[in-house]
Amino acid sequence: MSAHLLLGPEAGAKEGVLREIRDGLRKEYGSELEIIRFYPFECEGGELTSALLNTSIFSDHRLVILSQAEGASAALVDEVASYLERPSEGATLVIISSELYISSKISKLIPKANTQTFYDLLEREKGEWIRSFFRRMGIMISADGVDTLIDISEDNTQELRTICTQLGLFWQIADKGRPIEEEDVDQYVFHSRQEDAFTLFPLIARGDLRQSLKSLSVILGSGESQTSILLLRGLLWQFRRLLSVQEEFASGASEFDAFAQAKVMEKGSAIKKPKDKTTYRNAAKRYTLEQTQAIIAALIKADVALKEGGSEMTATIWERLLYQIIVKRGEELYQQEFAAL
């Protein structure tokens, strides 16, 4: 059968297998293989089935990819299952999900030989992966540099490969003869990537005040007039989502159910991505439900201070706020205490 199921959080390995499937099809059907990628929100009207069943005018075969299948609606699951019962010989379907399981309506119709599950690398495996990557580029990296790269790319080898490739090319162009150190990783990554509330929150969840302040500096340094307000709204959204998870825990829900039922302002906002799950797991361990409530109150109070304080006070207000969130865990912060730092 021309259908494959690639499961699990390790996106880099899944993309590697996808490339192998693509290359195999090109050898069999020619280099003009037509490739179409769908996401669940794009194919609620039968577009996926249409792409699989209609004859391609560009090539003898068509590769159709359904990414982020964990977000598929019940209707889309039924549509895929119906197709798999009578698949087309002119197309190959690859279903990709970050979850370890998918609806049995689909999984039972794909041969075991075509189903693969990819787990996150263990920390020691990530370390060896990083060292081997830079070794192939003729670059050395210190143990602290490796640890820092692991910390900032918890997700998978796909993210690791992107960061390491960019850092490696920069290092080669700069003609550095020494190993990459922790400070080099910090300087490159935190000055080259886009920072916002969604990159700051994982640092807060880990309780990393130093990196949070660095991230804050990059965000506020953008010079955009709405940056501070957007940052505040983004953090409020994240902490309200965390509060809903903690309320589910308090009612006896399992982690799976708590993440699935997460919401913000009564609107469903399930936590699905492995990296997001790690972030909210860290946050739930670090902050109690009461502390999260206090942090939300502090963020709402800061909204008034930011509007009244003027642009010259913005950085100071935010630095105090991050200290209150990370160090004091929402407890009221007094002027003398912050000034003594």
Protein backbone atom coordinates (compact mmCIF):
# COMPACT_ATOMS: atom_id res chain seq x y z
CA MET A 1 0.00 0.00 0.00
CA SER A 2 1.23 3.53 -0.81
CA ALA A 3 0.59 5.04 2.61
CA HIS A 4 2.94 5.79 5.50
CA LEU A 5 2.39 6.89 9.09
CA LEU A 6 5.17 8.81 10.87
CA LEU A 7 4.49 9.42 14.56
CA GLY A 8 6.20 11.02 17.55
CA PRO A 9 7.83 14.28 18.61
CA GLU A 10 11.20 13.85 16.86
CA ALA A 11 10.46 15.99 13.81
CA GLY A 12 13.99 15.91 12.40
CA ALA A 13 14.02 12.13 12.02
CA LYS A 14 10.52 12.14 10.52
CA GLU A 15 11.55 14.69 7.90
CA GLY A 16 14.55 12.49 7.12
CA VAL A 17 12.29 9.49 6.45
CA LEU A 18 9.99 11.71 4.38
CA ARG A 19 12.96 12.67 2.21
CA GLU A 20 13.79 8.97 1.75
CA ILE A 21 10.21 8.25 0.66
CA ARG A 22 10.32 11.20 -1.75
CA ASP A 23 13.68 10.15 -3.23
CA GLY A 24 12.44 6.58 -3.67
CA LEU A 25 9.37 7.76 -5.53
CA ARG A 26 11.47 9.99 -7.79
CA LYS A 27 13.64 7.03 -8.73
CA GLU A 28 10.55 4.98 -9.52
CA TYR A 29 8.40 7.60 -11.25
CA GLY A 30 10.85 10.30 -12.37
CA SER A 31 12.12 13.59 -11.03
CA GLU A 32 8.90 15.43 -11.93
CA LEU A 33 7.12 13.85 -8.96
CA GLU A 34 4.34 16.19 -7.81
CA ILE A 35 4.40 16.93 -4.07
CA ILE A 36 1.49 18.48 -2.15
CA ARG A 37 1.51 19.17 1.58
CA PHE A 38 -1.67 19.75 3.59
CA TYR A 39 -2.42 20.77 7.17
CA PRO A 40 -5.71 19.82 8.86
CA PHE A 41 -7.11 23.35 8.76
CA GLU A 42 -6.58 23.46 4.98
CA CYS A 43 -8.51 20.37 4.00
CA GLU A 44 -11.91 20.39 5.64
CA GLY A 45 -13.73 20.38 2.30
CA GLY A 46 -12.41 17.20 0.70
CA GLU A 47 -9.25 18.79 -0.73
CA LEU A 48 -7.06 15.96 0.58
CA THR A 49 -9.07 13.19 -1.07
CA SER A 50 -9.31 15.20 -4.27
CA ALA A 51 -5.51 15.53 -4.41
CA LEU A 52 -5.09 11.80 -3.82
CA LEU A 53 -7.66 10.59 -6.34
CA ASN A 54 -7.34 13.05 -9.21
CA THR A 55 -4.81 12.23 -11.89
CA SER A 56 -1.81 14.53 -11.97
CA ILE A 57 -1.16 16.35 -15.26
CA PHE A 58 2.44 17.02 -14.24
CA SER A 59 3.72 13.54 -13.42
CA ASP A 60 2.86 9.85 -13.23
CA HIS A 61 2.64 9.92 -9.45
CA ARG A 62 1.76 12.32 -6.66
CA LEU A 63 3.14 12.49 -3.09
CA VAL A 64 0.54 13.90 -0.69
CA ILE A 65 1.63 14.80 2.84
CA LEU A 66 -0.72 15.45 5.77
CA SER A 67 1.30 17.25 8.46
CA GLN A 68 0.24 17.93 12.07
CA ALA A 69 -2.34 15.19 11.78
CA GLU A 70 -2.87 15.31 15.56
CA GLY A 71 -5.08 18.34 14.81
CA ALA A 72 -7.36 16.49 12.42
CA SER A 73 -11.09 16.82 13.04
CA ALA A 74 -13.36 13.78 13.31
CA ALA A 75 -14.61 14.50 9.78
CA LEU A 76 -11.07 14.55 8.38
CA VAL A 77 -10.21 11.31 10.19
CA ASP A 78 -13.22 9.66 8.58
CA GLU A 79 -12.24 11.07 5.18
CA VAL A 80 -8.69 9.69 5.44
CA ALA A 81 -9.93 6.32 6.68
CA SER A 82 -12.40 6.11 3.79
CA TYR A 83 -9.60 6.82 1.32
CA LEU A 84 -7.29 4.22 2.89
CA GLU A 85 -9.93 1.54 2.41
CA ARG A 86 -9.68 2.12 -1.37
CA PRO A 87 -6.40 3.96 -2.02
CA SER A 88 -5.30 5.25 -5.39
CA GLU A 89 -2.37 3.63 -7.20
CA GLY A 90 -1.38 7.03 -8.56
CA ALA A 91 -0.59 8.59 -5.20
CA THR A 92 1.37 8.01 -2.01
CA LEU A 93 -0.01 9.40 1.26
CA VAL A 94 2.30 10.24 4.17
CA ILE A 95 0.61 11.13 7.46
CA ILE A 96 2.77 12.94 10.03
CA SER A 97 1.82 13.52 13.67
CA SER A 98 3.78 14.79 16.69
CA GLU A 99 1.76 12.47 18.92
CA LEU A 100 2.69 8.85 19.59
CA TYR A 101 -0.74 7.60 18.56
CA ILE A 102 -3.39 8.52 16.03
CA SER A 103 -7.00 7.44 15.60
CA SER A 104 -7.26 3.66 15.19
CA LYS A 105 -9.60 4.32 12.25
CA ILE A 106 -6.47 5.39 10.37
CA SER A 107 -3.65 3.40 12.01
CA LYS A 108 -5.32 0.01 11.50
CA LEU A 109 -5.47 0.64 7.74
CA ILE A 110 -1.74 1.34 7.33
CA PRO A 111 0.65 -1.65 7.30
CA LYS A 112 2.90 -2.05 10.34
CA ALA A 113 5.91 -1.96 8.02
CA ASN A 114 4.89 1.55 6.93
CA THR A 115 4.33 2.86 10.46
CA GLN A 116 7.24 4.38 12.34
CA THR A 117 7.43 6.17 15.70
CA PHE A 118 10.18 8.66 16.54
CA TYR A 119 10.90 9.65 20.12
CA ASP A 120 12.78 12.70 21.38
CA LEU A 121 16.51 12.16 21.72
CA LEU A 122 17.86 11.65 25.22
CA GLU A 123 20.09 14.46 26.47
CA ARG A 124 23.28 12.41 26.00
CA GLU A 125 22.16 11.54 22.46
CA LYS A 126 21.59 15.21 21.69
CA GLY A 127 25.06 16.02 22.97
CA GLU A 128 26.69 13.46 20.70
CA TRP A 129 24.52 14.62 17.80
CA ILE A 130 25.73 18.23 18.28
CA ARG A 131 29.40 17.25 18.59
CA SER A 132 29.21 15.05 15.48
CA PHE A 133 27.46 17.82 13.52
CA PHE A 134 30.16 20.38 14.21
CA ARG A 135 32.92 17.80 13.77
CA ARG A 136 31.74 17.25 10.19
CA MET A 137 32.03 21.02 9.66
CA GLY A 138 35.57 21.02 11.05
CA ILE A 139 34.50 23.02 14.12
CA MET A 140 35.10 22.27 17.80
CA ILE A 141 32.55 23.06 20.52
CA SER A 142 33.05 23.02 24.29
CA ALA A 143 30.98 20.93 26.70
CA ASP A 144 29.33 24.10 28.04
CA GLY A 145 28.52 25.15 24.48
CA VAL A 146 26.85 21.78 23.86
CA ASP A 147 24.82 22.07 27.08
CA THR A 148 23.62 25.55 26.14
CA LEU A 149 22.49 24.39 22.70
CA ILE A 150 20.58 21.53 24.33
CA ASP A 151 18.88 23.98 26.72
CA ILE A 152 17.65 26.31 23.98
CA SER A 153 16.47 23.60 21.56
CA GLU A 154 14.57 21.09 23.66
CA ASP A 155 12.33 19.97 20.85
CA ASN A 156 14.14 17.80 18.31
CA THR A 157 16.99 17.42 15.82
CA GLN A 158 15.12 19.50 13.24
CA GLU A 159 15.44 22.57 15.44
CA LEU A 160 18.95 21.55 16.49
CA ARG A 161 20.00 21.20 12.85
CA THR A 162 18.68 24.67 11.99
CA ILE A 163 20.44 26.38 14.89
CA CYS A 164 23.68 24.41 14.48
CA THR A 165 23.79 25.04 10.72
CA GLN A 166 23.36 28.78 11.17
CA LEU A 167 25.88 28.92 14.02
CA GLY A 168 28.37 26.74 12.11
CA LEU A 169 28.18 28.90 8.97
CA PHE A 170 28.63 32.04 11.04
CA TRP A 171 31.66 30.48 12.77
CA GLN A 172 33.25 29.48 9.45
CA ILE A 173 32.72 32.93 7.94
CA ALA A 174 34.13 34.54 11.07
CA ASP A 175 37.19 32.26 10.67
CA LYS A 176 37.32 31.38 14.34
CA GLY A 177 40.16 29.05 15.29
CA ARG A 178 38.90 28.30 18.80
CA PRO A 179 36.05 26.09 19.99
CA ILE A 180 32.51 27.48 20.26
CA GLU A 181 31.90 28.39 23.91
CA GLU A 182 28.73 28.91 25.96
CA GLU A 183 29.03 32.71 25.61
CA ASP A 184 29.26 32.37 21.82
CA VAL A 185 26.04 30.36 21.68
CA ASP A 186 24.28 32.89 23.93
CA GLN A 187 25.46 35.83 21.86
CA TYR A 188 24.61 34.32 18.49
CA VAL A 189 21.25 32.76 19.31
CA PHE A 190 19.80 35.56 21.40
CA HIS A 191 20.84 38.20 18.89
CA SER A 192 19.69 36.37 15.78
CA ARG A 193 16.31 34.86 16.56
CA GLN A 194 12.97 36.61 16.80
CA GLU A 195 11.96 37.12 20.42
CA ASP A 196 8.43 37.54 21.75
CA ALA A 197 6.17 36.41 24.58
CA PHE A 198 6.21 32.85 23.27
CA THR A 199 10.01 32.58 23.38
CA LEU A 200 10.19 34.38 26.74
CA PHE A 201 7.63 32.20 28.52
CA PRO A 202 9.69 28.95 28.36
CA LEU A 203 12.56 30.80 30.06
CA ILE A 204 10.19 32.02 32.78
CA ALA A 205 8.81 28.49 33.12
CA ARG A 206 12.35 27.23 33.83
CA GLY A 207 13.02 30.06 36.27
CA ASP A 208 15.92 31.42 34.22
CA LEU A 209 16.10 35.09 35.22
CA ARG A 210 19.38 35.76 33.42
CA GLN A 211 18.20 34.57 30.01
CA SER A 212 14.75 36.08 30.54
CA LEU A 213 16.32 39.51 31.02
CA LYS A 214 18.42 38.98 27.88
CA SER A 215 15.32 38.01 25.92
CA LEU A 216 13.46 41.03 27.32
CA SER A 217 16.28 43.32 26.17
CA VAL A 218 16.01 41.97 22.62
CA ILE A 219 12.22 42.29 22.57
CA LEU A 220 12.15 45.87 23.88
CA GLY A 221 15.07 46.78 21.63
CA SER A 222 12.91 46.34 18.54
CA GLY A 223 11.70 49.93 18.96
CA GLU A 224 8.11 49.08 17.95
CA SER A 225 5.58 51.19 19.84
CA GLN A 226 3.22 48.26 20.49
CA THR A 227 5.93 45.80 21.56
CA SER A 228 5.42 46.20 25.31
CA ILE A 229 1.63 45.85 25.13
CA LEU A 230 1.85 42.79 22.87
CA LEU A 231 4.41 41.23 25.21
CA LEU A 232 2.14 41.77 28.20
CA ARG A 233 -0.88 40.32 26.40
CA GLY A 234 1.18 37.32 25.28
CA LEU A 235 2.39 36.54 28.80
CA LEU A 236 -1.11 37.00 30.21
CA TRP A 237 -2.38 34.52 27.64
CA GLN A 238 0.32 31.99 28.58
CA PHE A 239 -0.24 32.28 32.33
CA ARG A 240 -4.02 32.04 31.95
CA ARG A 241 -3.46 28.87 29.94
CA LEU A 242 -1.17 27.59 32.70
CA LEU A 243 -3.81 28.41 35.32
CA SER A 244 -6.40 26.33 33.45
CA VAL A 245 -3.97 23.39 33.40
CA GLN A 246 -3.34 23.74 37.14
CA GLU A 247 -7.06 23.92 37.83
CA GLU A 248 -7.49 20.66 35.91
CA PHE A 249 -4.69 19.10 37.99
CA ALA A 250 -6.38 20.33 41.17
CA SER A 251 -9.61 18.59 40.12
CA GLY A 252 -7.75 15.29 39.72
CA ALA A 253 -7.20 15.29 35.94
CA SER A 254 -4.24 13.47 34.42
CA GLU A 255 -1.58 15.43 32.56
CA PHE A 256 -2.95 14.16 29.24
CA ASP A 257 -6.46 15.39 30.07
CA ALA A 258 -5.24 18.66 31.60
CA PHE A 259 -3.26 19.53 28.46
CA ALA A 260 -6.11 18.48 26.17
CA GLN A 261 -8.65 20.58 28.09
CA ALA A 262 -6.48 23.70 28.50
CA LYS A 263 -8.30 26.95 27.76
CA VAL A 264 -7.84 30.70 27.85
CA MET A 265 -10.78 32.92 28.83
CA GLU A 266 -13.12 29.93 28.36
CA LYS A 267 -11.86 29.31 24.83
CA GLY A 268 -10.28 25.91 24.18
CA SER A 269 -6.50 25.98 23.70
CA ALA A 270 -5.22 22.41 23.92
CA ILE A 271 -1.48 21.94 24.45
CA LYS A 272 -0.33 19.54 21.73
CA LYS A 273 3.25 20.24 20.70
CA PRO A 274 5.93 18.29 22.63
CA LYS A 275 7.96 21.45 23.28
CA ASP A 276 4.88 23.28 24.61
CA LYS A 277 4.12 20.31 26.87
CA THR A 278 7.65 20.50 28.28
CA THR A 279 7.24 24.23 28.90
CA TYR A 280 3.91 23.90 30.72
CA ARG A 281 5.17 20.88 32.66
CA ASN A 282 8.11 23.00 33.87
CA ALA A 283 5.81 25.91 34.72
CA ALA A 284 3.34 23.74 36.64
CA LYS A 285 6.21 22.32 38.71
CA ARG A 286 7.70 25.74 39.41
CA TYR A 287 4.53 27.70 40.26
CA THR A 288 1.62 26.70 42.45
CA LEU A 289 -1.92 27.50 41.38
CA GLU A 290 -2.02 30.36 43.91
CA GLN A 291 1.31 31.74 42.64
CA THR A 292 0.03 31.68 39.05
CA GLN A 293 -3.04 33.63 40.15
CA ALA A 294 -0.75 36.18 41.85
CA ILE A 295 1.38 36.47 38.69
CA ILE A 296 -1.71 37.11 36.56
CA ALA A 297 -2.73 39.85 39.00
CA ALA A 298 0.80 41.33 38.79
CA LEU A 299 0.63 41.35 34.99
CA ILE A 300 -2.74 43.11 35.02
CA LYS A 301 -1.36 45.67 37.51
CA ALA A 302 1.73 46.16 35.31
CA ASP A 303 -0.53 47.02 32.38
CA VAL A 304 -1.60 50.18 34.21
CA ALA A 305 1.98 51.02 35.22
CA LEU A 306 3.24 50.64 31.64
CA LYS A 307 0.54 52.95 30.30
CA GLU A 308 1.17 55.57 32.98
CA GLY A 309 4.94 55.30 33.25
CA GLY A 310 5.94 56.51 29.80
CA SER A 311 8.47 54.95 27.42
CA GLU A 312 11.46 55.91 29.59
CA MET A 313 10.13 53.69 32.42
CA THR A 314 9.19 50.68 30.28
CA ALA A 315 12.43 48.70 30.70
CA THR A 316 12.53 49.26 34.48
CA ILE A 317 8.91 48.19 34.92
CA TRP A 318 9.51 45.03 32.90
CA GLU A 319 12.71 44.13 34.77
CA ARG A 320 10.91 44.50 38.09
CA LEU A 321 8.02 42.44 36.75
CA LEU A 322 10.26 39.58 35.59
CA TYR A 323 11.99 39.57 38.98
CA GLN A 324 8.61 39.47 40.70
CA ILE A 325 7.47 36.57 38.50
CA ILE A 326 10.63 34.44 38.48
CA VAL A 327 12.22 35.10 41.87
CA LYS A 328 9.25 36.12 44.03
CA ARG A 329 6.78 33.88 42.15
CA GLY A 330 4.11 36.58 42.10
CA GLU A 331 4.64 37.93 45.61
CA GLU A 332 4.50 41.74 45.92
CA LEU A 333 7.86 43.36 45.20
CA TYR A 334 9.04 46.31 47.25
CA GLN A 335 11.21 49.09 45.84
CA GLN A 336 14.01 48.65 48.38
CA GLU A 337 14.29 44.93 47.64
CA PHE A 338 14.69 45.40 43.87
CA ALA A 339 17.10 48.31 44.29
CA ALA A 340 19.38 46.15 46.41
CA LEU A 341 19.98 43.63 43.60
